[in-house]
N, C-alpha and C. Protein backbone atom coordinates (compact mmCIF):
# COMPACT_ATOMS: atom_id res chain seq x y z
N MET A 1 -0.37 -3.87 21.82
CA MET A 1 -0.35 -4.70 20.62
C MET A 1 -1.62 -4.52 19.79
N ALA A 2 -2.65 -3.90 20.37
CA ALA A 2 -3.90 -3.73 19.63
C ALA A 2 -3.74 -2.81 18.43
N TYR A 3 -2.67 -2.03 18.41
CA TYR A 3 -2.47 -1.08 17.32
C TYR A 3 -1.25 -1.36 16.47
N HIS A 4 -0.58 -2.47 16.73
CA HIS A 4 0.62 -2.81 15.97
C HIS A 4 0.55 -4.24 15.46
N ASP A 5 1.09 -4.43 14.30
CA ASP A 5 1.17 -5.75 13.69
C ASP A 5 2.18 -6.59 14.46
N ALA A 6 1.79 -7.78 14.86
CA ALA A 6 2.64 -8.64 15.69
C ALA A 6 3.91 -9.08 14.96
N LEU A 7 3.84 -9.24 13.66
CA LEU A 7 5.00 -9.72 12.90
C LEU A 7 6.02 -8.62 12.65
N THR A 8 5.58 -7.49 12.13
CA THR A 8 6.51 -6.43 11.72
C THR A 8 6.68 -5.32 12.76
N ASN A 9 5.79 -5.28 13.74
CA ASN A 9 5.74 -4.23 14.75
C ASN A 9 5.39 -2.86 14.15
N LEU A 10 4.93 -2.84 12.93
CA LEU A 10 4.45 -1.61 12.31
C LEU A 10 3.02 -1.35 12.80
N PRO A 11 2.54 -0.11 12.64
CA PRO A 11 1.12 0.11 12.91
C PRO A 11 0.27 -0.86 12.09
N ASN A 12 -0.87 -1.26 12.65
CA ASN A 12 -1.77 -2.16 11.93
C ASN A 12 -2.90 -1.35 11.28
N ARG A 13 -3.87 -2.05 10.72
CA ARG A 13 -4.98 -1.40 10.02
C ARG A 13 -5.75 -0.45 10.94
N THR A 14 -5.95 -0.84 12.18
CA THR A 14 -6.70 0.00 13.12
C THR A 14 -5.99 1.32 13.36
N LEU A 15 -4.70 1.27 13.66
CA LEU A 15 -3.94 2.49 13.89
C LEU A 15 -3.81 3.29 12.60
N PHE A 16 -3.64 2.61 11.48
CA PHE A 16 -3.54 3.31 10.20
C PHE A 16 -4.81 4.11 9.93
N ASN A 17 -5.98 3.49 10.12
CA ASN A 17 -7.24 4.19 9.90
C ASN A 17 -7.37 5.39 10.82
N ASP A 18 -6.90 5.25 12.07
CA ASP A 18 -6.91 6.36 13.00
C ASP A 18 -6.03 7.50 12.50
N ARG A 19 -4.86 7.15 11.97
CA ARG A 19 -3.95 8.18 11.44
C ARG A 19 -4.54 8.87 10.21
N VAL A 20 -5.26 8.10 9.37
CA VAL A 20 -5.92 8.70 8.21
C VAL A 20 -7.01 9.66 8.69
N ASP A 21 -7.80 9.24 9.67
CA ASP A 21 -8.83 10.12 10.22
C ASP A 21 -8.22 11.42 10.76
N TYR A 22 -7.11 11.29 11.46
CA TYR A 22 -6.42 12.48 11.99
C TYR A 22 -5.93 13.35 10.83
N ALA A 23 -5.36 12.73 9.80
CA ALA A 23 -4.86 13.49 8.64
C ALA A 23 -6.00 14.23 7.95
N ILE A 24 -7.17 13.61 7.89
CA ILE A 24 -8.33 14.28 7.28
C ILE A 24 -8.70 15.53 8.08
N LYS A 25 -8.79 15.39 9.40
CA LYS A 25 -9.13 16.54 10.24
C LYS A 25 -8.10 17.66 10.09
N HIS A 26 -6.83 17.28 10.10
CA HIS A 26 -5.76 18.27 9.96
C HIS A 26 -5.81 18.94 8.59
N ALA A 27 -5.99 18.15 7.55
CA ALA A 27 -6.03 18.69 6.19
C ALA A 27 -7.23 19.62 5.99
N LYS A 28 -8.38 19.25 6.55
CA LYS A 28 -9.57 20.12 6.47
C LYS A 28 -9.31 21.46 7.14
N ARG A 29 -8.75 21.39 8.33
CA ARG A 29 -8.50 22.59 9.12
C ARG A 29 -7.51 23.52 8.44
N HIS A 30 -6.50 22.96 7.76
CA HIS A 30 -5.43 23.77 7.20
C HIS A 30 -5.50 23.89 5.68
N GLY A 31 -6.54 23.32 5.07
CA GLY A 31 -6.67 23.40 3.61
C GLY A 31 -5.55 22.68 2.88
N GLU A 32 -5.12 21.54 3.40
CA GLU A 32 -4.01 20.79 2.81
C GLU A 32 -4.51 19.51 2.15
N GLU A 33 -3.60 18.85 1.48
CA GLU A 33 -3.86 17.56 0.89
C GLU A 33 -2.94 16.53 1.53
N PHE A 34 -3.34 15.28 1.46
CA PHE A 34 -2.46 14.18 1.82
C PHE A 34 -2.85 12.99 0.97
N SER A 35 -2.01 12.00 0.95
CA SER A 35 -2.28 10.83 0.12
C SER A 35 -2.10 9.54 0.89
N VAL A 36 -2.77 8.53 0.40
CA VAL A 36 -2.63 7.18 0.90
C VAL A 36 -1.99 6.36 -0.21
N LEU A 37 -0.87 5.74 0.10
CA LEU A 37 -0.24 4.80 -0.83
C LEU A 37 -0.53 3.41 -0.32
N PHE A 38 -1.06 2.56 -1.17
CA PHE A 38 -1.37 1.18 -0.82
C PHE A 38 -0.42 0.32 -1.62
N LEU A 39 0.34 -0.54 -0.95
CA LEU A 39 1.37 -1.35 -1.60
C LEU A 39 1.03 -2.82 -1.48
N ASP A 40 1.27 -3.54 -2.55
CA ASP A 40 1.06 -4.98 -2.56
C ASP A 40 2.27 -5.62 -3.24
N LEU A 41 2.88 -6.57 -2.56
CA LEU A 41 4.05 -7.23 -3.13
C LEU A 41 3.63 -8.08 -4.33
N ASP A 42 4.38 -8.00 -5.40
CA ASP A 42 4.09 -8.78 -6.59
C ASP A 42 4.57 -10.22 -6.39
N ASN A 43 3.74 -11.16 -6.71
CA ASN A 43 4.08 -12.59 -6.69
C ASN A 43 4.51 -13.12 -5.33
N PHE A 44 4.02 -12.52 -4.26
CA PHE A 44 4.41 -12.96 -2.93
C PHE A 44 3.90 -14.36 -2.62
N LYS A 45 2.74 -14.69 -3.12
CA LYS A 45 2.15 -16.00 -2.85
C LYS A 45 3.10 -17.13 -3.26
N SER A 46 3.84 -16.93 -4.33
CA SER A 46 4.75 -17.99 -4.79
C SER A 46 5.88 -18.23 -3.78
N ILE A 47 6.28 -17.20 -3.04
CA ILE A 47 7.32 -17.39 -2.01
C ILE A 47 6.77 -18.26 -0.88
N ASN A 48 5.57 -17.94 -0.40
CA ASN A 48 4.96 -18.76 0.65
C ASN A 48 4.74 -20.18 0.17
N ASP A 49 4.28 -20.34 -1.07
CA ASP A 49 3.97 -21.67 -1.59
C ASP A 49 5.21 -22.52 -1.81
N THR A 50 6.31 -21.91 -2.24
CA THR A 50 7.50 -22.70 -2.56
C THR A 50 8.50 -22.80 -1.41
N LEU A 51 8.61 -21.73 -0.60
CA LEU A 51 9.64 -21.71 0.44
C LEU A 51 9.07 -21.77 1.86
N GLY A 52 7.77 -21.64 1.99
CA GLY A 52 7.13 -21.74 3.29
C GLY A 52 6.82 -20.40 3.91
N HIS A 53 5.89 -20.44 4.85
CA HIS A 53 5.43 -19.21 5.49
C HIS A 53 6.48 -18.58 6.39
N ALA A 54 7.37 -19.36 6.96
CA ALA A 54 8.42 -18.78 7.82
C ALA A 54 9.33 -17.85 7.01
N VAL A 55 9.70 -18.28 5.80
CA VAL A 55 10.52 -17.42 4.93
C VAL A 55 9.70 -16.22 4.48
N GLY A 56 8.43 -16.45 4.12
CA GLY A 56 7.56 -15.34 3.73
C GLY A 56 7.40 -14.32 4.83
N ASP A 57 7.23 -14.80 6.07
CA ASP A 57 7.10 -13.89 7.20
C ASP A 57 8.36 -13.06 7.40
N GLN A 58 9.51 -13.71 7.29
CA GLN A 58 10.76 -12.98 7.46
C GLN A 58 10.95 -11.94 6.36
N LEU A 59 10.52 -12.28 5.14
CA LEU A 59 10.57 -11.31 4.05
C LEU A 59 9.67 -10.11 4.35
N LEU A 60 8.49 -10.35 4.90
CA LEU A 60 7.59 -9.26 5.26
C LEU A 60 8.20 -8.35 6.32
N VAL A 61 8.92 -8.93 7.27
CA VAL A 61 9.61 -8.14 8.28
C VAL A 61 10.65 -7.23 7.61
N GLU A 62 11.40 -7.79 6.67
CA GLU A 62 12.43 -7.01 5.96
C GLU A 62 11.80 -5.92 5.10
N VAL A 63 10.69 -6.21 4.45
CA VAL A 63 9.99 -5.20 3.66
C VAL A 63 9.53 -4.06 4.56
N GLY A 64 8.92 -4.40 5.69
CA GLY A 64 8.48 -3.38 6.64
C GLY A 64 9.63 -2.52 7.12
N ARG A 65 10.75 -3.14 7.41
CA ARG A 65 11.93 -2.41 7.88
C ARG A 65 12.42 -1.45 6.79
N ARG A 66 12.50 -1.95 5.57
CA ARG A 66 13.00 -1.11 4.47
C ARG A 66 12.06 0.06 4.21
N LEU A 67 10.77 -0.19 4.24
CA LEU A 67 9.82 0.90 4.03
C LEU A 67 9.94 1.94 5.14
N SER A 68 10.05 1.49 6.37
CA SER A 68 10.14 2.41 7.51
C SER A 68 11.35 3.32 7.44
N ILE A 69 12.48 2.77 7.10
CA ILE A 69 13.69 3.60 7.09
C ILE A 69 13.77 4.46 5.83
N SER A 70 12.95 4.17 4.84
CA SER A 70 12.97 4.94 3.59
C SER A 70 12.03 6.14 3.61
N MET A 71 11.12 6.18 4.58
CA MET A 71 10.11 7.23 4.63
C MET A 71 10.47 8.29 5.66
N ARG A 72 9.90 9.45 5.49
CA ARG A 72 10.06 10.50 6.49
C ARG A 72 9.42 10.04 7.79
N GLU A 73 9.96 10.48 8.89
CA GLU A 73 9.50 9.97 10.19
C GLU A 73 8.06 10.35 10.50
N TYR A 74 7.52 11.39 9.89
CA TYR A 74 6.14 11.78 10.18
C TYR A 74 5.13 11.13 9.23
N TYR A 75 5.59 10.30 8.30
CA TYR A 75 4.67 9.47 7.51
C TYR A 75 4.33 8.24 8.34
N THR A 76 3.17 7.69 8.14
CA THR A 76 2.79 6.46 8.82
C THR A 76 2.92 5.30 7.85
N VAL A 77 3.78 4.35 8.17
CA VAL A 77 3.92 3.12 7.39
C VAL A 77 3.24 2.02 8.20
N ALA A 78 2.31 1.30 7.58
CA ALA A 78 1.55 0.27 8.29
C ALA A 78 1.50 -1.01 7.47
N ARG A 79 1.38 -2.11 8.19
CA ARG A 79 1.10 -3.39 7.53
C ARG A 79 -0.40 -3.62 7.68
N MET A 80 -1.06 -3.76 6.54
CA MET A 80 -2.51 -3.90 6.54
C MET A 80 -2.95 -5.35 6.69
N GLY A 81 -2.03 -6.27 6.46
CA GLY A 81 -2.33 -7.69 6.52
C GLY A 81 -1.71 -8.36 5.31
N GLY A 82 -1.47 -9.65 5.41
CA GLY A 82 -0.88 -10.38 4.29
C GLY A 82 0.38 -9.68 3.80
N ASP A 83 0.43 -9.44 2.50
CA ASP A 83 1.58 -8.76 1.91
C ASP A 83 1.24 -7.33 1.50
N GLU A 84 0.29 -6.72 2.22
CA GLU A 84 -0.15 -5.37 1.92
C GLU A 84 0.33 -4.39 2.98
N PHE A 85 0.87 -3.29 2.50
CA PHE A 85 1.34 -2.21 3.35
C PHE A 85 0.71 -0.91 2.88
N SER A 86 0.62 0.07 3.76
CA SER A 86 0.09 1.39 3.40
C SER A 86 0.95 2.47 4.02
N ILE A 87 0.91 3.62 3.38
CA ILE A 87 1.65 4.78 3.88
C ILE A 87 0.75 6.01 3.79
N VAL A 88 0.67 6.77 4.88
CA VAL A 88 0.02 8.07 4.86
C VAL A 88 1.11 9.09 4.57
N VAL A 89 0.96 9.81 3.47
CA VAL A 89 1.93 10.82 3.06
C VAL A 89 1.27 12.18 3.26
N THR A 90 1.72 12.92 4.24
CA THR A 90 1.12 14.21 4.57
C THR A 90 1.83 15.35 3.87
N ASN A 91 1.14 16.49 3.88
CA ASN A 91 1.70 17.73 3.34
C ASN A 91 2.08 17.59 1.87
N VAL A 92 1.18 17.03 1.09
CA VAL A 92 1.41 16.84 -0.34
C VAL A 92 1.27 18.19 -1.05
N LYS A 93 2.26 18.53 -1.82
CA LYS A 93 2.22 19.79 -2.57
C LYS A 93 1.78 19.58 -4.01
N LYS A 94 2.26 18.50 -4.64
CA LYS A 94 1.90 18.24 -6.04
C LYS A 94 2.05 16.76 -6.34
N SER A 95 1.31 16.30 -7.33
CA SER A 95 1.30 14.87 -7.66
C SER A 95 2.67 14.38 -8.12
N GLU A 96 3.49 15.27 -8.64
CA GLU A 96 4.84 14.87 -9.06
C GLU A 96 5.66 14.37 -7.88
N ASP A 97 5.42 14.97 -6.70
CA ASP A 97 6.12 14.52 -5.49
C ASP A 97 5.73 13.09 -5.14
N LEU A 98 4.44 12.78 -5.31
CA LEU A 98 3.96 11.42 -5.03
C LEU A 98 4.52 10.43 -6.05
N ALA A 99 4.58 10.85 -7.30
CA ALA A 99 5.16 9.99 -8.33
C ALA A 99 6.62 9.70 -8.02
N SER A 100 7.35 10.71 -7.57
CA SER A 100 8.75 10.51 -7.21
C SER A 100 8.89 9.56 -6.02
N LEU A 101 8.01 9.72 -5.03
CA LEU A 101 8.04 8.84 -3.87
C LEU A 101 7.74 7.40 -4.27
N ALA A 102 6.71 7.21 -5.09
CA ALA A 102 6.36 5.86 -5.55
C ALA A 102 7.51 5.25 -6.34
N ALA A 103 8.14 6.04 -7.20
CA ALA A 103 9.28 5.54 -7.97
C ALA A 103 10.44 5.18 -7.05
N LEU A 104 10.65 5.96 -5.99
CA LEU A 104 11.70 5.66 -5.01
C LEU A 104 11.42 4.32 -4.32
N ILE A 105 10.17 4.09 -3.93
CA ILE A 105 9.82 2.82 -3.28
C ILE A 105 10.08 1.65 -4.23
N ILE A 106 9.67 1.79 -5.46
CA ILE A 106 9.91 0.73 -6.45
C ILE A 106 11.40 0.49 -6.61
N LYS A 107 12.18 1.55 -6.64
CA LYS A 107 13.64 1.42 -6.76
C LYS A 107 14.23 0.71 -5.53
N LYS A 108 13.70 0.98 -4.35
CA LYS A 108 14.18 0.31 -3.13
C LYS A 108 13.96 -1.19 -3.21
N PHE A 109 12.95 -1.61 -3.95
CA PHE A 109 12.67 -3.04 -4.11
C PHE A 109 13.60 -3.71 -5.12
N GLU A 110 14.36 -2.92 -5.86
CA GLU A 110 15.35 -3.51 -6.78
C GLU A 110 16.53 -4.11 -6.02
N LEU A 111 16.76 -3.61 -4.82
CA LEU A 111 17.84 -4.15 -3.98
C LEU A 111 17.35 -5.46 -3.37
N PRO A 112 18.25 -6.44 -3.21
CA PRO A 112 17.80 -7.72 -2.66
C PRO A 112 17.44 -7.61 -1.18
N PHE A 113 16.51 -8.45 -0.77
CA PHE A 113 16.15 -8.61 0.63
C PHE A 113 16.88 -9.84 1.12
N ASN A 114 17.64 -9.71 2.21
CA ASN A 114 18.38 -10.84 2.73
C ASN A 114 17.57 -11.53 3.82
N VAL A 115 17.23 -12.79 3.57
CA VAL A 115 16.47 -13.60 4.51
C VAL A 115 17.22 -14.91 4.68
N ASN A 116 17.62 -15.20 5.91
CA ASN A 116 18.37 -16.44 6.21
C ASN A 116 19.58 -16.60 5.30
N ASN A 117 20.30 -15.50 5.13
CA ASN A 117 21.52 -15.46 4.31
C ASN A 117 21.28 -15.80 2.84
N LYS A 118 20.07 -15.59 2.36
CA LYS A 118 19.75 -15.75 0.94
C LYS A 118 19.14 -14.46 0.45
N ASP A 119 19.50 -14.08 -0.76
CA ASP A 119 18.95 -12.86 -1.35
C ASP A 119 17.67 -13.16 -2.10
N PHE A 120 16.67 -12.32 -1.84
CA PHE A 120 15.39 -12.41 -2.52
C PHE A 120 15.16 -11.10 -3.25
N PHE A 121 14.71 -11.21 -4.47
CA PHE A 121 14.38 -10.04 -5.26
C PHE A 121 12.87 -9.99 -5.43
N GLY A 122 12.33 -8.82 -5.29
CA GLY A 122 10.89 -8.68 -5.41
C GLY A 122 10.54 -7.38 -6.08
N SER A 123 9.27 -7.22 -6.28
CA SER A 123 8.76 -5.96 -6.82
C SER A 123 7.45 -5.65 -6.11
N VAL A 124 6.99 -4.44 -6.32
CA VAL A 124 5.81 -3.96 -5.60
C VAL A 124 4.93 -3.17 -6.56
N SER A 125 3.63 -3.29 -6.36
CA SER A 125 2.66 -2.46 -7.07
C SER A 125 2.08 -1.48 -6.06
N ILE A 126 1.86 -0.24 -6.50
CA ILE A 126 1.43 0.83 -5.60
C ILE A 126 0.22 1.53 -6.19
N GLY A 127 -0.80 1.71 -5.35
CA GLY A 127 -1.96 2.51 -5.72
C GLY A 127 -1.97 3.77 -4.86
N ILE A 128 -2.35 4.88 -5.46
CA ILE A 128 -2.30 6.17 -4.77
C ILE A 128 -3.67 6.86 -4.85
N ALA A 129 -4.18 7.27 -3.70
CA ALA A 129 -5.41 8.07 -3.63
C ALA A 129 -5.12 9.29 -2.77
N THR A 130 -5.70 10.42 -3.14
CA THR A 130 -5.39 11.68 -2.48
C THR A 130 -6.65 12.34 -1.92
N TYR A 131 -6.52 12.85 -0.70
CA TYR A 131 -7.56 13.64 -0.07
C TYR A 131 -7.37 15.09 -0.48
N PRO A 132 -8.38 15.83 -0.83
CA PRO A 132 -9.80 15.51 -0.81
C PRO A 132 -10.36 15.08 -2.17
N GLN A 133 -9.59 15.19 -3.24
CA GLN A 133 -10.17 14.96 -4.56
C GLN A 133 -10.64 13.53 -4.79
N ASP A 134 -9.99 12.54 -4.19
CA ASP A 134 -10.39 11.15 -4.42
C ASP A 134 -11.35 10.61 -3.37
N GLY A 135 -11.35 11.18 -2.20
CA GLY A 135 -12.23 10.71 -1.14
C GLY A 135 -12.07 11.56 0.09
N ASP A 136 -13.09 11.52 0.95
CA ASP A 136 -13.03 12.34 2.15
C ASP A 136 -13.12 11.51 3.43
N ASN A 137 -12.88 10.19 3.30
CA ASN A 137 -12.85 9.33 4.49
C ASN A 137 -11.87 8.19 4.26
N ALA A 138 -11.45 7.57 5.35
CA ALA A 138 -10.42 6.53 5.29
C ALA A 138 -10.86 5.35 4.42
N ALA A 139 -12.09 4.92 4.56
CA ALA A 139 -12.57 3.75 3.81
C ALA A 139 -12.50 3.99 2.31
N ASP A 140 -12.96 5.15 1.86
CA ASP A 140 -12.92 5.44 0.42
C ASP A 140 -11.49 5.57 -0.08
N LEU A 141 -10.65 6.26 0.67
CA LEU A 141 -9.27 6.44 0.23
C LEU A 141 -8.57 5.09 0.08
N LEU A 142 -8.77 4.19 1.04
CA LEU A 142 -8.16 2.86 0.93
C LEU A 142 -8.75 2.06 -0.22
N GLU A 143 -10.05 2.13 -0.38
CA GLU A 143 -10.69 1.41 -1.49
C GLU A 143 -10.18 1.90 -2.83
N TYR A 144 -10.05 3.21 -2.97
CA TYR A 144 -9.61 3.77 -4.25
C TYR A 144 -8.12 3.50 -4.50
N ALA A 145 -7.31 3.55 -3.44
CA ALA A 145 -5.90 3.20 -3.61
C ALA A 145 -5.77 1.72 -3.98
N ASP A 146 -6.64 0.88 -3.40
CA ASP A 146 -6.64 -0.54 -3.73
C ASP A 146 -7.04 -0.76 -5.19
N SER A 147 -8.03 -0.02 -5.67
CA SER A 147 -8.41 -0.11 -7.08
C SER A 147 -7.25 0.28 -7.98
N ALA A 148 -6.50 1.27 -7.56
CA ALA A 148 -5.35 1.71 -8.34
C ALA A 148 -4.26 0.64 -8.37
N ILE A 149 -4.11 -0.13 -7.28
CA ILE A 149 -3.14 -1.23 -7.28
C ILE A 149 -3.48 -2.24 -8.37
N TYR A 150 -4.76 -2.58 -8.48
CA TYR A 150 -5.15 -3.56 -9.49
C TYR A 150 -4.82 -3.08 -10.89
N ALA A 151 -4.97 -1.78 -11.11
CA ALA A 151 -4.59 -1.23 -12.42
C ALA A 151 -3.09 -1.36 -12.63
N ALA A 152 -2.30 -1.09 -11.58
CA ALA A 152 -0.85 -1.23 -11.70
C ALA A 152 -0.47 -2.69 -11.96
N LYS A 153 -1.11 -3.61 -11.27
CA LYS A 153 -0.83 -5.04 -11.48
C LYS A 153 -1.25 -5.49 -12.87
N ASN A 154 -2.38 -4.98 -13.36
CA ASN A 154 -2.84 -5.33 -14.71
C ASN A 154 -1.90 -4.80 -15.78
N ASN A 155 -1.11 -3.80 -15.43
CA ASN A 155 -0.12 -3.27 -16.36
C ASN A 155 1.24 -3.95 -16.19
N GLY A 156 1.26 -5.09 -15.52
CA GLY A 156 2.49 -5.86 -15.37
C GLY A 156 3.13 -5.77 -14.00
N GLY A 157 2.58 -4.98 -13.09
CA GLY A 157 3.16 -4.86 -11.76
C GLY A 157 4.43 -4.03 -11.76
N ASN A 158 5.08 -3.99 -10.60
CA ASN A 158 6.31 -3.22 -10.44
C ASN A 158 6.13 -1.78 -10.93
N SER A 159 4.97 -1.22 -10.58
CA SER A 159 4.64 0.14 -11.02
C SER A 159 3.67 0.77 -10.04
N TYR A 160 3.34 2.02 -10.30
CA TYR A 160 2.36 2.71 -9.47
C TYR A 160 1.27 3.28 -10.36
N GLN A 161 0.12 3.52 -9.74
CA GLN A 161 -1.01 4.06 -10.46
C GLN A 161 -1.75 5.02 -9.54
N PHE A 162 -2.04 6.21 -10.05
CA PHE A 162 -2.90 7.13 -9.33
C PHE A 162 -4.35 6.71 -9.55
N TYR A 163 -5.18 6.90 -8.53
CA TYR A 163 -6.60 6.61 -8.67
C TYR A 163 -7.24 7.61 -9.63
N VAL A 164 -8.09 7.11 -10.50
CA VAL A 164 -8.94 7.92 -11.36
C VAL A 164 -10.34 7.33 -11.29
N ASN A 165 -11.36 8.14 -11.51
CA ASN A 165 -12.74 7.69 -11.36
C ASN A 165 -13.07 6.45 -12.18
N GLU A 166 -12.46 6.30 -13.34
CA GLU A 166 -12.75 5.15 -14.19
C GLU A 166 -12.43 3.83 -13.49
N LEU A 167 -11.52 3.84 -12.55
CA LEU A 167 -11.15 2.61 -11.84
C LEU A 167 -12.28 2.10 -10.96
N THR A 168 -13.16 2.99 -10.51
CA THR A 168 -14.30 2.57 -9.69
C THR A 168 -15.24 1.70 -10.52
N ALA A 169 -15.47 2.10 -11.75
CA ALA A 169 -16.34 1.31 -12.63
C ALA A 169 -15.73 -0.06 -12.91
N ILE A 170 -14.43 -0.10 -13.12
CA ILE A 170 -13.74 -1.37 -13.37
C ILE A 170 -13.82 -2.26 -12.13
N ALA A 171 -13.58 -1.69 -10.95
CA ALA A 171 -13.63 -2.47 -9.71
C ALA A 171 -15.05 -2.99 -9.47
N SER A 172 -16.04 -2.17 -9.77
CA SER A 172 -17.43 -2.58 -9.59
C SER A 172 -17.76 -3.77 -10.50
N LYS A 173 -17.30 -3.72 -11.74
CA LYS A 173 -17.52 -4.84 -12.66
C LYS A 173 -16.83 -6.10 -12.16
N ARG A 174 -15.59 -5.95 -11.64
CA ARG A 174 -14.84 -7.09 -11.13
C ARG A 174 -15.57 -7.70 -9.94
N PHE A 175 -16.11 -6.85 -9.05
CA PHE A 175 -16.84 -7.32 -7.88
C PHE A 175 -18.11 -8.07 -8.30
N LYS A 176 -18.86 -7.52 -9.25
CA LYS A 176 -20.08 -8.17 -9.71
C LYS A 176 -19.75 -9.51 -10.37
N TYR A 177 -18.67 -9.56 -11.14
CA TYR A 177 -18.26 -10.81 -11.78
C TYR A 177 -17.91 -11.84 -10.72
N ASN A 178 -17.17 -11.43 -9.70
CA ASN A 178 -16.78 -12.36 -8.63
C ASN A 178 -18.00 -12.88 -7.88
N LEU A 179 -18.99 -12.02 -7.66
CA LEU A 179 -20.21 -12.47 -6.99
C LEU A 179 -20.92 -13.51 -7.84
N ARG A 180 -21.01 -13.28 -9.16
CA ARG A 180 -21.65 -14.25 -10.04
C ARG A 180 -20.88 -15.55 -10.06
N SER A 181 -19.55 -15.47 -10.09
CA SER A 181 -18.72 -16.69 -10.10
C SER A 181 -18.90 -17.49 -8.83
N ASP A 182 -19.04 -16.78 -7.69
CA ASP A 182 -19.19 -17.46 -6.41
C ASP A 182 -20.55 -18.15 -6.30
N MET A 183 -21.54 -17.65 -7.04
CA MET A 183 -22.87 -18.23 -6.97
C MET A 183 -22.97 -19.55 -7.73
N HIS A 184 -22.09 -19.78 -8.66
CA HIS A 184 -22.16 -21.01 -9.48
C HIS A 184 -21.38 -22.13 -8.88
């Protein structure tokens, strides 16, 4: 259980980071690229707040299941915590393939999730960071994919965003602002 999320039984953050480290070593050795997709459910907090955590938890289980069956078996789908999921996409040939994959995931969220015989509709925002151009370690790749999620959410959500260097400056400003706000 140390490597799997207790709720969804997906790999957890620890195992995900291990898989990213392995992907880095493999990609270095073979001159390949891979990507990290970081997913955040849009407006998930409102489900927990209005319907309760039991319904929210069941929805997370269904999201994890749908993501798992939608991905190739050699991709790693993990629950990072809360309503955040990540995917290691190996053997990336071109960014268009990642865009197609992200669009497929968004389309999968157009179908209702059935929880306790009730249909729930949701959407997802996705941030994408690619090794080696965006980062050469797990922490940077996740941070940059997370920055890309915020850009997708700021554009209305239900979309994906590739990481670009400009997002680091925006995230840094947001972090500094939050630190100042917390001090007052």
